[in-house]
Amino acid sequence: MCFSCWLLVSTAFADTSKPAASRIDGVTIRYFKKYNDSLGHLEGDKALIATAKCLKNNIKRETDFVARFGGEEFVCVLPFIEKDEAFEFAKTKESGRNKVVMN
């Protein structure tokens, strides 16, 4: 599902009777250009796929969304999330980022 479609659907079904915050996290793969240039685009694609899978595995709710935002950038959108859940996601994302290892 494209980002625009997801945004339309998720806001249409939102419970607006209670206030809730949303969180948007940007994720950039460090040194991706150097990795991609030195090992080739196929290896770069593998790194992008591994990163996307890692991020997707860290989201828990159906309303959460991960998308590639640019060359080596991703965005994680967590609408209508409580503060403690957002904090837990951030911790999990950081620990997951450190586990993505390319063979």
Foldseek 3Di string as FASTA:
>chain_A
DDPVVLVVVLVVPDDPPDDFAKDKDKDFDPPLVVVCVVVHVVLSVVLQVLLQVLLVVLDDDPSWDWDADDDRMIMIIGPRDHPVVVVVSVVSSVVSVVVRDDD
